[in-house]
Amino acid sequence: QTETDLDQDQDRDRDQDQEEQEKQPMTGGGRAADSQSAGEDTEKNGSVKLKIPENPEEPKFTGLSKEELLRVAGTPGWVRTRWTLLLVFWLGWLGMLVGAVVIILHAPECRQLPDTKWWNEGPLYQIGHIQAFTASQDLKGETARQVDSLSQLKVKGLVVGPIHVAPPDEPVNLSFEEDRTAGGDSVPNTHVFCVLSGISVVLDLTPNYQGSSGPWFSNISVTNVAERLKVGQFFWSSGSLHVIHVSVLIWSVSVFSVWSGFLTNESVVFSRVLIGVTDRSSARDVSFLLASCGVDLLISRVLLAGEMDATERAQSIQHLYSSHNQTFLAWSLDGRSEGHLASLVGPALVKLHQLLLFTLPGTPVFNYGDEIGLMDMGTTFPRMLWDSKEELNGTRQEERTQRLSYRRFFCSLSELRVKARSLMFGDFLLLYNSSSSLAYLRAWDQSDRYLAAFNWAEEAAVLQLSDPTLPRRATVILSTNSSALPDNSSVDLTSLWLGPGQAALLMFPYAP
């Protein structure tokens, strides 16, 4: 062969050798073994992991030493950064402090709660004749049942009696220490009151509750009766009464002033409240007695229905409220001699007057049975009607349903008055007043506002209420006619419609 042919054969052989090497598997020898010797790590799936040799001469970073950190912290740049961060931090705190101060200064000032007496915290409940109140003729029989009923009514004080011996117009035979309900026996440890836990007992010690005149009010008799009253107080306080109080009928300022001063100056070991009772109906006369006699509460006739229209009633309320602290004001429409609420105002207006007494500024005073619309039936001491589960005929079942309706309304009002600060001791603002309609606002600090509206007329009335303190609309909380004004419904105060003999209690939130 020529030289040229030999060169071509050698090139062809090299090409064949290269093709054979490329066909060899990577897991075998050849180039794979060569790659392992070159520092490559062959995996079973054909991939290759390269091992990078470490350079022992390259330094590793392990952070700054303490000395280096101190040198860095002392550099001008770091000092400026640190002071900048501190300045931002304290400016942030200062900004939050200034913001809090601004909020506090612009927030409405909270009024301090007034000093109230225990008798302002709930209704007083009068039991003038124990035998008529209980089926057992005394307070020993069904006490647990009665106490439970009174607790549901949120009664704060129980005005009992008079139960002492006091023959009509016979001062000589007056004895505060004898209980006529127990057959004339002296019972200083009368346990019938002990179970009335949480309810203060107001023991009525009226000297001449069965008489009306006679020698009671001469100067000699006044001192004598006051001495007897002192003995009676200590007599009853030596027993197990929760608390003892005194109620005295005010016939004249001079006589009651003597009794009031005598009782006030005496050091007694029990809680005392002096409740005055007067038959005066003039607001000015009642205000004068309140200012001059030193009583804690004064029950009067300023609200008695039938003797004044709504305008006069509103004027009397406004006069007493503006002249005296409401802790001294007591509101009542009935009593031991007047009879029960339903007989005085009529069954249709019982709920209206319940709402009136509970929402006026002061202490509401009720007669036993007023919560169920008890009628006098020819006597001022009718038998109390207790609910039972016995089967009743149609008429009696209807009467029972009506009694329960009165009671539920009473309980709702009593519970609301205990919880709502505006009703407990809020300000009184007269909003509307006519011969047959009345509306006023009770408001305290930042609490919810309550608006009470009444219509005594036999036809519907539309009250247009406008005042800077009023919103356009309010929510119905309670109504004597829930079909006409359903609970939780919204009404327009600029055109408040009330049906005949209807009343409603509305609420709206405080707005700064």
Protein backbone atom coordinates (compact mmCIF):
# COMPACT_ATOMS: atom_id res chain seq x y z
CA GLN A 1 0.00 0.00 0.00
CA THR A 2 0.93 3.50 -0.54
CA GLU A 3 1.63 5.90 2.24
CA THR A 4 -1.65 7.59 1.59
CA ASP A 5 -3.58 4.38 1.93
CA LEU A 6 -1.85 3.60 5.25
CA ASP A 7 -2.89 6.94 6.69
CA GLN A 8 -6.49 6.38 5.72
CA ASP A 9 -6.51 2.93 7.35
CA GLN A 10 -5.15 4.38 10.60
CA ASP A 11 -7.83 7.09 10.66
CA ARG A 12 -10.52 4.49 10.08
CA ASP A 13 -9.20 2.35 12.96
CA ARG A 14 -9.21 5.34 15.33
CA ASP A 15 -12.80 6.14 14.45
CA GLN A 16 -13.88 2.55 15.16
CA ASP A 17 -12.06 2.56 18.51
CA GLN A 18 -13.83 5.80 19.51
CA GLU A 19 -17.25 4.36 18.58
CA GLU A 20 -16.56 1.23 20.65
CA GLN A 21 -15.56 3.30 23.70
CA GLU A 22 -18.75 5.40 23.48
CA LYS A 23 -20.82 2.20 23.52
CA GLN A 24 -19.24 1.04 26.81
CA PRO A 25 -21.54 1.42 30.00
CA MET A 26 -20.68 4.17 32.51
CA THR A 27 -20.61 1.72 35.44
CA GLY A 28 -17.81 -0.30 34.02
CA GLY A 29 -14.20 0.34 33.56
CA GLY A 30 -12.67 2.40 30.92
CA ARG A 31 -13.54 6.08 31.25
CA ALA A 32 -15.56 5.44 34.42
CA ALA A 33 -12.48 4.11 36.15
CA ASP A 34 -10.52 6.99 34.79
CA SER A 35 -13.11 9.46 36.14
CA GLN A 36 -13.00 7.87 39.61
CA SER A 37 -9.25 8.27 39.65
CA ALA A 38 -9.77 11.90 38.68
CA GLY A 39 -11.95 12.56 41.79
CA GLU A 40 -15.40 11.74 40.39
CA ASP A 41 -17.88 9.60 42.38
CA THR A 42 -20.03 7.38 40.17
CA GLU A 43 -23.63 6.60 41.34
CA LYS A 44 -25.57 3.50 40.34
CA ASN A 45 -28.17 5.50 38.40
CA GLY A 46 -25.49 6.92 36.17
CA SER A 47 -25.15 10.34 37.79
CA VAL A 48 -21.79 11.64 38.87
CA LYS A 49 -21.05 13.51 42.11
CA LEU A 50 -17.97 15.65 41.98
CA LYS A 51 -15.80 16.05 45.06
CA ILE A 52 -14.36 19.49 45.34
CA PRO A 53 -11.13 19.42 47.26
CA GLU A 54 -10.88 21.78 50.20
CA ASN A 55 -8.38 24.56 50.20
CA PRO A 56 -6.72 24.52 53.58
CA GLU A 57 -5.18 27.89 52.95
CA GLU A 58 -8.61 29.72 52.61
CA PRO A 59 -9.73 31.27 56.00
CA LYS A 60 -13.21 30.61 57.49
CA PHE A 61 -15.43 33.47 58.90
CA THR A 62 -16.40 32.82 62.51
CA GLY A 63 -17.86 36.25 63.45
CA LEU A 64 -16.40 39.28 65.18
CA SER A 65 -14.50 38.93 68.36
CA LYS A 66 -15.32 40.94 71.49
CA GLU A 67 -12.51 43.38 70.81
CA GLU A 68 -13.63 43.84 67.19
CA LEU A 69 -17.23 44.43 68.31
CA LEU A 70 -16.09 47.08 70.79
CA ARG A 71 -14.04 48.78 68.08
CA VAL A 72 -17.07 48.77 65.73
CA ALA A 73 -19.44 50.05 68.43
CA GLY A 74 -17.15 52.95 69.06
CA THR A 75 -17.05 54.12 65.46
CA PRO A 76 -18.85 57.42 64.66
CA GLY A 77 -21.22 55.72 62.20
CA TRP A 78 -22.44 53.17 64.70
CA VAL A 79 -22.82 55.80 67.44
CA ARG A 80 -25.00 57.91 65.13
CA THR A 81 -27.09 54.86 64.21
CA ARG A 82 -27.61 53.93 67.83
CA TRP A 83 -28.73 57.44 68.85
CA THR A 84 -31.01 57.59 65.84
CA LEU A 85 -32.73 54.34 66.88
CA LEU A 86 -33.10 55.53 70.49
CA LEU A 87 -34.56 58.82 69.30
CA VAL A 88 -37.10 57.07 67.10
CA PHE A 89 -38.05 54.75 70.00
CA TRP A 90 -38.66 57.56 72.51
CA LEU A 91 -40.45 59.71 69.94
CA GLY A 92 -42.83 56.79 69.35
CA TRP A 93 -43.55 56.45 73.07
CA LEU A 94 -44.00 60.20 73.40
CA GLY A 95 -46.43 60.20 70.49
CA MET A 96 -48.53 57.45 72.04
CA LEU A 97 -48.55 59.28 75.40
CA VAL A 98 -49.66 62.53 73.80
CA GLY A 99 -52.38 60.67 71.89
CA ALA A 100 -53.69 59.08 75.09
CA VAL A 101 -53.76 62.46 76.85
CA VAL A 102 -55.66 64.01 73.94
CA ILE A 103 -58.21 61.19 74.01
CA ILE A 104 -58.71 61.56 77.76
CA LEU A 105 -59.07 65.34 77.55
CA HIS A 106 -61.60 65.15 74.73
CA ALA A 107 -63.58 62.26 76.24
CA PRO A 108 -66.77 63.16 78.18
CA GLU A 109 -66.20 63.43 81.90
CA CYS A 110 -67.61 60.50 83.85
CA ARG A 111 -69.90 61.55 86.69
CA GLN A 112 -69.36 60.15 90.13
CA LEU A 113 -72.08 57.81 91.31
CA PRO A 114 -74.35 59.54 93.81
CA ASP A 115 -74.75 58.40 97.38
CA THR A 116 -77.88 56.27 97.45
CA LYS A 117 -79.75 54.67 100.31
CA TRP A 118 -80.83 51.05 100.38
CA TRP A 119 -84.48 52.06 99.96
CA ASN A 120 -83.63 53.75 96.63
CA GLU A 121 -82.39 50.49 95.12
CA GLY A 122 -85.77 48.79 94.69
CA PRO A 123 -89.47 49.06 95.45
CA LEU A 124 -90.96 49.13 98.93
CA TYR A 125 -93.80 46.64 99.44
CA GLN A 126 -96.48 47.44 102.02
CA ILE A 127 -98.30 44.73 103.96
CA GLY A 128 -100.70 46.61 106.16
CA HIS A 129 -102.71 43.56 107.17
CA ILE A 130 -100.74 40.35 107.62
CA GLN A 131 -103.82 38.14 107.98
CA ALA A 132 -105.02 39.24 104.53
CA PHE A 133 -101.61 38.73 102.93
CA THR A 134 -100.99 35.13 104.00
CA ALA A 135 -103.22 32.10 103.84
CA SER A 136 -101.99 31.02 107.28
CA GLN A 137 -103.08 34.34 108.85
CA ASP A 138 -99.51 35.22 109.85
CA LEU A 139 -95.99 35.36 108.38
CA LYS A 140 -95.02 31.97 109.77
CA GLY A 141 -96.97 29.75 107.40
CA GLU A 142 -95.86 29.88 103.78
CA THR A 143 -92.84 32.06 104.34
CA ALA A 144 -90.53 30.37 101.81
CA ARG A 145 -93.10 30.76 99.06
CA GLN A 146 -93.76 34.40 99.91
CA VAL A 147 -90.08 35.31 100.14
CA ASP A 148 -89.43 33.70 96.76
CA SER A 149 -92.27 35.73 95.27
CA LEU A 150 -90.95 38.96 96.79
CA SER A 151 -87.43 38.19 95.55
CA GLN A 152 -88.75 37.79 92.00
CA LEU A 153 -90.36 41.23 92.33
CA LYS A 154 -86.93 42.64 93.34
CA VAL A 155 -88.51 44.05 96.51
CA LYS A 156 -85.92 45.91 98.58
CA GLY A 157 -87.94 46.64 101.69
CA LEU A 158 -91.01 45.09 103.28
CA VAL A 159 -93.21 47.57 105.18
CA VAL A 160 -95.06 45.46 107.75
CA GLY A 161 -97.90 46.54 109.94
CA PRO A 162 -98.69 48.23 112.14
CA ILE A 163 -98.88 45.04 114.17
CA HIS A 164 -98.54 46.58 117.66
CA VAL A 165 -101.39 47.19 120.09
CA ALA A 166 -102.86 50.70 119.80
CA PRO A 167 -106.52 51.15 120.83
CA PRO A 168 -108.11 54.11 118.97
CA ASP A 169 -107.22 57.43 120.62
CA GLU A 170 -106.06 55.82 123.88
CA PRO A 171 -102.43 56.83 124.50
CA VAL A 172 -102.46 55.18 127.90
CA ASN A 173 -102.99 51.72 126.43
CA LEU A 174 -100.46 52.14 123.60
CA SER A 175 -97.94 49.29 123.56
CA PHE A 176 -95.32 48.95 120.85
CA GLU A 177 -94.05 45.78 122.51
CA GLU A 178 -97.24 43.74 122.01
CA ASP A 179 -97.96 42.02 118.72
CA ARG A 180 -101.71 41.95 118.12
CA THR A 181 -101.27 39.37 115.34
CA ALA A 182 -99.91 36.93 117.93
CA GLY A 183 -102.80 37.32 120.37
CA GLY A 184 -101.26 40.23 122.25
CA ASP A 185 -98.17 38.30 123.33
CA SER A 186 -94.84 39.99 123.55
CA VAL A 187 -92.65 38.45 120.86
CA PRO A 188 -89.32 40.28 120.63
CA ASN A 189 -87.72 37.24 119.00
CA THR A 190 -90.28 37.00 116.25
CA HIS A 191 -88.62 34.63 113.81
CA VAL A 192 -91.10 35.28 111.02
CA PHE A 193 -88.93 38.14 109.73
CA CYS A 194 -85.62 36.32 109.92
CA VAL A 195 -86.12 34.35 106.73
CA LEU A 196 -86.48 37.51 104.68
CA SER A 197 -82.79 37.46 103.87
CA GLY A 198 -81.75 40.27 101.59
CA ILE A 199 -85.02 42.14 102.14
CA SER A 200 -85.05 44.82 104.81
CA VAL A 201 -88.03 44.76 107.13
CA VAL A 202 -89.67 48.11 107.71
CA LEU A 203 -91.69 47.76 110.90
CA ASP A 204 -94.49 50.31 110.91
CA LEU A 205 -94.72 51.78 114.42
CA THR A 206 -97.49 54.32 113.81
CA PRO A 207 -98.79 55.31 117.30
CA ASN A 208 -102.43 56.01 116.43
CA TYR A 209 -103.05 54.10 113.21
CA GLN A 210 -106.59 53.20 114.32
CA GLY A 211 -107.53 56.70 115.49
CA SER A 212 -107.53 60.18 114.05
CA SER A 213 -107.57 62.79 116.79
CA GLY A 214 -107.88 62.94 120.55
CA PRO A 215 -105.10 63.83 122.99
CA TRP A 216 -102.31 62.45 120.82
CA PHE A 217 -100.93 65.70 119.66
CA SER A 218 -100.79 67.87 122.74
CA ASN A 219 -97.33 68.76 124.00
CA ILE A 220 -97.56 66.27 126.88
CA SER A 221 -98.67 63.37 124.65
CA VAL A 222 -95.92 64.00 122.10
CA THR A 223 -93.18 63.52 124.69
CA ASN A 224 -94.94 60.50 126.18
CA VAL A 225 -95.40 58.81 122.80
CA ALA A 226 -91.79 59.52 121.85
CA GLU A 227 -90.61 57.82 125.04
CA ARG A 228 -92.81 54.81 124.30
CA LEU A 229 -91.50 54.72 120.74
CA LYS A 230 -87.93 54.63 122.03
CA VAL A 231 -88.76 51.62 124.21
CA GLY A 232 -90.47 49.94 121.27
CA GLN A 233 -87.44 50.39 119.05
CA PHE A 234 -85.09 48.75 121.51
CA PHE A 235 -87.65 46.02 122.18
CA TRP A 236 -87.80 44.97 118.53
CA SER A 237 -84.10 45.40 117.93
CA SER A 238 -83.39 42.86 120.67
CA GLY A 239 -85.04 40.18 118.57
CA SER A 240 -84.06 38.64 115.27
CA LEU A 241 -85.25 41.28 112.86
CA HIS A 242 -83.01 41.88 109.86
CA VAL A 243 -83.47 45.61 110.37
CA ILE A 244 -86.04 47.85 112.06
CA HIS A 245 -87.46 51.08 110.77
CA VAL A 246 -90.14 53.53 111.83
CA SER A 247 -93.11 54.97 110.01
CA VAL A 248 -95.09 57.80 111.57
CA LEU A 249 -98.12 59.57 110.19
CA ILE A 250 -97.43 63.29 109.87
CA TRP A 251 -100.36 65.30 111.18
CA SER A 252 -98.48 68.50 111.90
CA VAL A 253 -94.95 69.74 111.40
CA SER A 254 -94.43 70.59 115.06
CA VAL A 255 -95.46 67.16 116.33
CA PHE A 256 -93.41 65.20 113.82
CA SER A 257 -90.41 67.45 114.35
CA VAL A 258 -90.38 66.47 118.01
CA TRP A 259 -90.51 62.76 117.18
CA SER A 260 -87.96 63.11 114.41
CA GLY A 261 -85.50 65.02 116.58
CA PHE A 262 -85.96 62.59 119.44
CA LEU A 263 -85.32 59.54 117.28
CA THR A 264 -82.39 61.13 115.45
CA ASN A 265 -80.59 62.08 118.66
CA GLU A 266 -81.04 58.68 120.25
CA SER A 267 -78.17 56.21 119.92
CA VAL A 268 -79.75 53.02 118.62
CA VAL A 269 -78.01 49.79 117.76
CA PHE A 270 -79.89 49.05 114.53
CA SER A 271 -80.37 50.60 111.14
CA ARG A 272 -83.02 53.31 111.09
CA VAL A 273 -85.11 55.05 108.48
CA LEU A 274 -87.86 57.49 109.27
CA ILE A 275 -90.71 57.25 106.80
CA GLY A 276 -93.31 59.95 107.03
CA VAL A 277 -96.85 59.64 105.74
CA THR A 278 -99.06 62.61 104.94
CA ASP A 279 -102.46 63.07 103.38
CA ARG A 280 -101.33 66.31 101.73
CA SER A 281 -101.61 66.39 97.92
CA SER A 282 -100.10 69.81 97.24
CA ALA A 283 -96.51 69.58 96.03
CA ARG A 284 -95.63 72.76 97.91
CA ASP A 285 -97.01 71.39 101.18
CA VAL A 286 -95.19 68.10 100.72
CA SER A 287 -91.97 69.94 99.86
CA PHE A 288 -92.31 72.03 103.03
CA LEU A 289 -92.78 68.91 105.16
CA LEU A 290 -89.74 67.27 103.56
CA ALA A 291 -87.60 70.31 104.29
CA SER A 292 -88.73 70.80 107.88
CA CYS A 293 -89.48 67.39 109.42
CA GLY A 294 -86.19 65.55 108.89
CA VAL A 295 -87.74 62.40 107.39
CA ASP A 296 -85.82 60.04 105.13
CA LEU A 297 -88.84 59.38 102.93
CA LEU A 298 -92.25 61.00 102.74
CA ILE A 299 -95.24 59.17 101.26
CA SER A 300 -97.87 61.62 100.07
CA ARG A 301 -100.95 61.90 97.84
CA VAL A 302 -99.46 64.05 95.08
CA LEU A 303 -99.98 61.34 92.44
CA LEU A 304 -103.46 60.15 93.37
CA ALA A 305 -105.45 59.65 90.18
CA GLY A 306 -108.75 61.42 89.70
CA GLU A 307 -107.72 64.51 91.60
CA MET A 308 -105.53 66.14 88.96
CA ASP A 309 -104.86 66.01 85.25
CA ALA A 310 -101.53 65.11 83.67
CA THR A 311 -100.40 68.75 83.60
CA GLU A 312 -100.82 69.19 87.36
CA ARG A 313 -99.23 65.82 88.00
CA ALA A 314 -96.18 66.76 85.91
CA GLN A 315 -95.86 70.10 87.68
CA SER A 316 -95.94 68.38 91.09
CA ILE A 317 -93.25 65.91 90.04
CA GLN A 318 -91.06 68.67 88.63
CA HIS A 319 -91.44 70.82 91.76
CA LEU A 320 -90.45 68.02 94.16
CA TYR A 321 -87.57 66.87 91.95
CA SER A 322 -86.12 70.36 91.61
CA SER A 323 -86.46 71.06 95.36
CA HIS A 324 -85.09 67.85 96.91
CA ASN A 325 -82.58 65.09 96.35
CA GLN A 326 -84.42 62.16 94.82
CA THR A 327 -83.23 59.85 97.63
CA PHE A 328 -85.91 61.57 99.77
CA LEU A 329 -88.74 61.17 97.24
CA ALA A 330 -91.28 58.35 97.53
CA TRP A 331 -93.98 57.77 94.93
CA SER A 332 -97.21 55.95 95.71
CA LEU A 333 -100.82 55.87 94.51
CA ASP A 334 -102.26 53.74 97.28
CA GLY A 335 -101.63 52.73 100.84
CA ARG A 336 -103.08 51.40 104.04
CA SER A 337 -106.12 53.70 103.92
CA GLU A 338 -106.49 54.47 100.19
CA GLY A 339 -106.80 50.91 98.90
CA HIS A 340 -105.15 49.09 96.02
CA LEU A 341 -103.89 50.39 92.70
CA ALA A 342 -106.37 48.52 90.48
CA SER A 343 -109.34 49.87 92.46
CA LEU A 344 -108.04 53.45 92.35
CA VAL A 345 -107.13 53.71 88.66
CA GLY A 346 -109.08 50.85 87.09
CA PRO A 347 -107.78 47.52 85.75
CA ALA A 348 -107.05 48.99 82.31
CA LEU A 349 -104.52 51.50 83.71
CA VAL A 350 -102.68 49.26 86.18
CA LYS A 351 -99.66 48.72 83.91
CA LEU A 352 -99.54 52.40 82.98
CA HIS A 353 -99.20 53.41 86.63
CA GLN A 354 -96.74 50.62 87.38
CA LEU A 355 -94.54 52.08 84.66
CA LEU A 356 -95.03 55.59 86.08
CA LEU A 357 -93.96 54.65 89.61
CA PHE A 358 -90.91 52.67 88.48
CA THR A 359 -89.55 55.37 86.18
CA LEU A 360 -89.96 58.48 88.37
CA PRO A 361 -86.87 59.77 90.24
CA GLY A 362 -87.16 58.31 93.72
CA THR A 363 -88.46 55.21 95.51
CA PRO A 364 -91.58 53.42 94.22
CA VAL A 365 -93.95 52.25 96.96
CA PHE A 366 -96.57 49.58 96.26
CA ASN A 367 -99.30 47.92 98.24
CA TYR A 368 -99.39 44.13 98.43
CA GLY A 369 -101.20 42.74 95.41
CA ASP A 370 -100.53 45.76 93.17
CA GLU A 371 -98.28 43.51 91.09
CA ILE A 372 -101.27 41.33 90.12
CA GLY A 373 -103.97 44.01 89.90
CA LEU A 374 -105.64 43.00 93.17
CA MET A 375 -109.02 44.72 93.67
CA ASP A 376 -110.32 45.92 97.04
CA MET A 377 -113.75 44.27 96.74
CA GLY A 378 -115.31 46.48 99.42
CA THR A 379 -112.34 46.45 101.79
CA THR A 380 -108.92 48.10 101.83
CA PHE A 381 -107.44 44.76 102.97
CA PRO A 382 -108.57 42.18 100.37
CA ARG A 383 -107.30 38.64 100.52
CA MET A 384 -104.05 38.16 98.60
CA LEU A 385 -104.46 35.86 95.59
CA TRP A 386 -101.63 33.36 95.26
CA ASP A 387 -101.14 31.52 92.01
CA SER A 388 -101.97 27.81 92.07
CA LYS A 389 -101.93 24.96 89.56
CA GLU A 390 -105.52 23.91 90.16
CA GLU A 391 -107.88 23.55 87.23
CA LEU A 392 -109.96 26.71 86.69
CA ASN A 393 -113.09 27.39 84.70
CA GLY A 394 -113.14 29.85 81.80
CA THR A 395 -113.77 33.05 83.76
CA ARG A 396 -111.32 32.26 86.54
CA GLN A 397 -108.70 31.13 84.03
CA GLU A 398 -109.05 34.47 82.21
CA GLU A 399 -108.64 36.35 85.50
CA ARG A 400 -105.57 34.29 86.32
CA THR A 401 -104.06 35.05 82.91
CA GLN A 402 -104.63 38.76 83.49
CA ARG A 403 -103.00 38.61 86.94
CA LEU A 404 -99.94 36.88 85.51
CA SER A 405 -99.73 39.51 82.76
CA TYR A 406 -99.69 42.30 85.38
CA ARG A 407 -97.05 40.45 87.36
CA ARG A 408 -94.74 39.85 84.39
CA PHE A 409 -94.92 43.53 83.50
CA PHE A 410 -94.15 44.49 87.12
CA CYS A 411 -91.16 42.11 87.26
CA SER A 412 -89.76 43.41 83.97
CA LEU A 413 -89.93 46.99 85.21
CA SER A 414 -88.46 46.17 88.61
CA GLU A 415 -85.54 44.24 87.13
CA LEU A 416 -84.84 46.97 84.58
CA ARG A 417 -84.84 49.67 87.26
CA VAL A 418 -82.25 47.73 89.29
CA LYS A 419 -79.93 47.32 86.28
CA ALA A 420 -80.32 50.66 84.46
CA ARG A 421 -78.40 53.50 86.08
CA SER A 422 -80.47 56.12 84.30
CA LEU A 423 -83.62 54.74 85.96
CA MET A 424 -81.93 54.17 89.32
CA PHE A 425 -80.60 57.67 89.90
CA GLY A 426 -80.54 59.47 86.54
CA ASP A 427 -81.55 63.07 85.87
CA PHE A 428 -85.19 63.88 85.17
CA LEU A 429 -86.11 66.00 82.13
CA LEU A 430 -89.72 66.85 81.31
CA LEU A 431 -90.23 66.57 77.53
CA TYR A 432 -93.97 66.75 76.93
CA ASN A 433 -96.92 67.76 79.06
CA SER A 434 -100.60 68.18 78.29
CA SER A 435 -103.86 67.63 80.15
CA SER A 436 -103.85 63.93 79.24
CA SER A 437 -100.31 63.07 78.10
CA LEU A 438 -96.87 63.10 79.65
CA ALA A 439 -93.34 62.25 78.55
CA TYR A 440 -90.02 62.59 80.35
CA LEU A 441 -86.42 61.49 79.99
CA ARG A 442 -84.19 59.70 82.50
CA ALA A 443 -80.48 60.04 81.75
CA TRP A 444 -77.27 59.34 83.62
CA ASP A 445 -73.76 60.12 82.41
CA GLN A 446 -72.86 57.89 79.43
CA SER A 447 -75.49 55.21 80.15
CA ASP A 448 -78.42 54.38 77.90
CA ARG A 449 -81.24 56.93 78.02
CA TYR A 450 -84.83 55.96 78.87
CA LEU A 451 -87.90 57.84 77.77
CA ALA A 452 -91.27 57.21 79.46
CA ALA A 453 -94.45 58.31 77.63
CA PHE A 454 -98.05 58.17 78.90
CA ASN A 455 -101.53 58.79 77.51
CA TRP A 456 -104.40 58.84 80.03
CA ALA A 457 -107.02 59.88 77.46
CA GLU A 458 -109.73 57.63 76.05
CA GLU A 459 -108.57 58.40 72.52
CA ALA A 460 -105.22 58.04 70.82
CA ALA A 461 -102.60 60.76 71.13
CA VAL A 462 -99.59 61.74 69.03
CA LEU A 463 -96.66 63.16 70.99
CA GLN A 464 -94.26 65.35 69.05
CA LEU A 465 -91.05 65.11 71.04
CA SER A 466 -88.22 67.43 70.13
CA ASP A 467 -85.17 68.24 72.21
CA PRO A 468 -81.45 68.62 71.45
CA THR A 469 -80.78 65.56 73.60
CA LEU A 470 -83.12 63.34 71.58
CA PRO A 471 -82.36 61.33 68.46
CA ARG A 472 -84.91 60.90 65.70
CA ARG A 473 -85.80 57.32 66.67
CA ALA A 474 -85.80 55.14 69.79
CA THR A 475 -86.39 51.47 70.62
CA VAL A 476 -89.43 50.19 72.50
CA ILE A 477 -88.39 48.36 75.68
CA LEU A 478 -91.81 47.84 77.27
CA SER A 479 -95.33 48.82 76.28
CA THR A 480 -98.71 48.38 77.94
CA ASN A 481 -100.01 47.35 74.53
CA SER A 482 -97.43 45.15 72.85
CA SER A 483 -99.58 44.62 69.76
CA ALA A 484 -99.58 48.35 69.00
CA LEU A 485 -95.96 48.96 70.08
CA PRO A 486 -94.06 45.64 69.97
CA ASP A 487 -90.95 45.22 72.08
CA ASN A 488 -87.69 46.05 70.26
CA SER A 489 -89.53 47.95 67.54
CA SER A 490 -88.23 51.35 66.40
CA VAL A 491 -90.46 54.43 66.69
CA ASP A 492 -90.25 58.00 65.45
CA LEU A 493 -89.99 60.39 68.41
CA THR A 494 -91.20 63.36 66.37
CA SER A 495 -94.51 61.55 65.91
CA LEU A 496 -94.95 59.07 68.79
CA TRP A 497 -98.37 57.44 68.63
CA LEU A 498 -99.97 56.18 71.86
CA GLY A 499 -103.32 54.46 71.98
CA PRO A 500 -106.02 55.15 74.60
CA GLY A 501 -104.69 54.55 78.12
CA GLN A 502 -101.36 53.40 76.74
CA ALA A 503 -97.83 53.93 78.04
CA ALA A 504 -94.41 52.94 76.72
CA LEU A 505 -90.81 52.89 77.87
CA LEU A 506 -88.29 53.65 75.12
CA MET A 507 -84.51 53.51 75.05
CA PHE A 508 -81.74 55.03 72.97
CA PRO A 509 -77.96 54.93 73.50
CA TYR A 510 -75.84 57.78 74.76
CA ALA A 511 -74.31 59.88 72.00
CA PRO A 512 -71.45 62.32 72.79
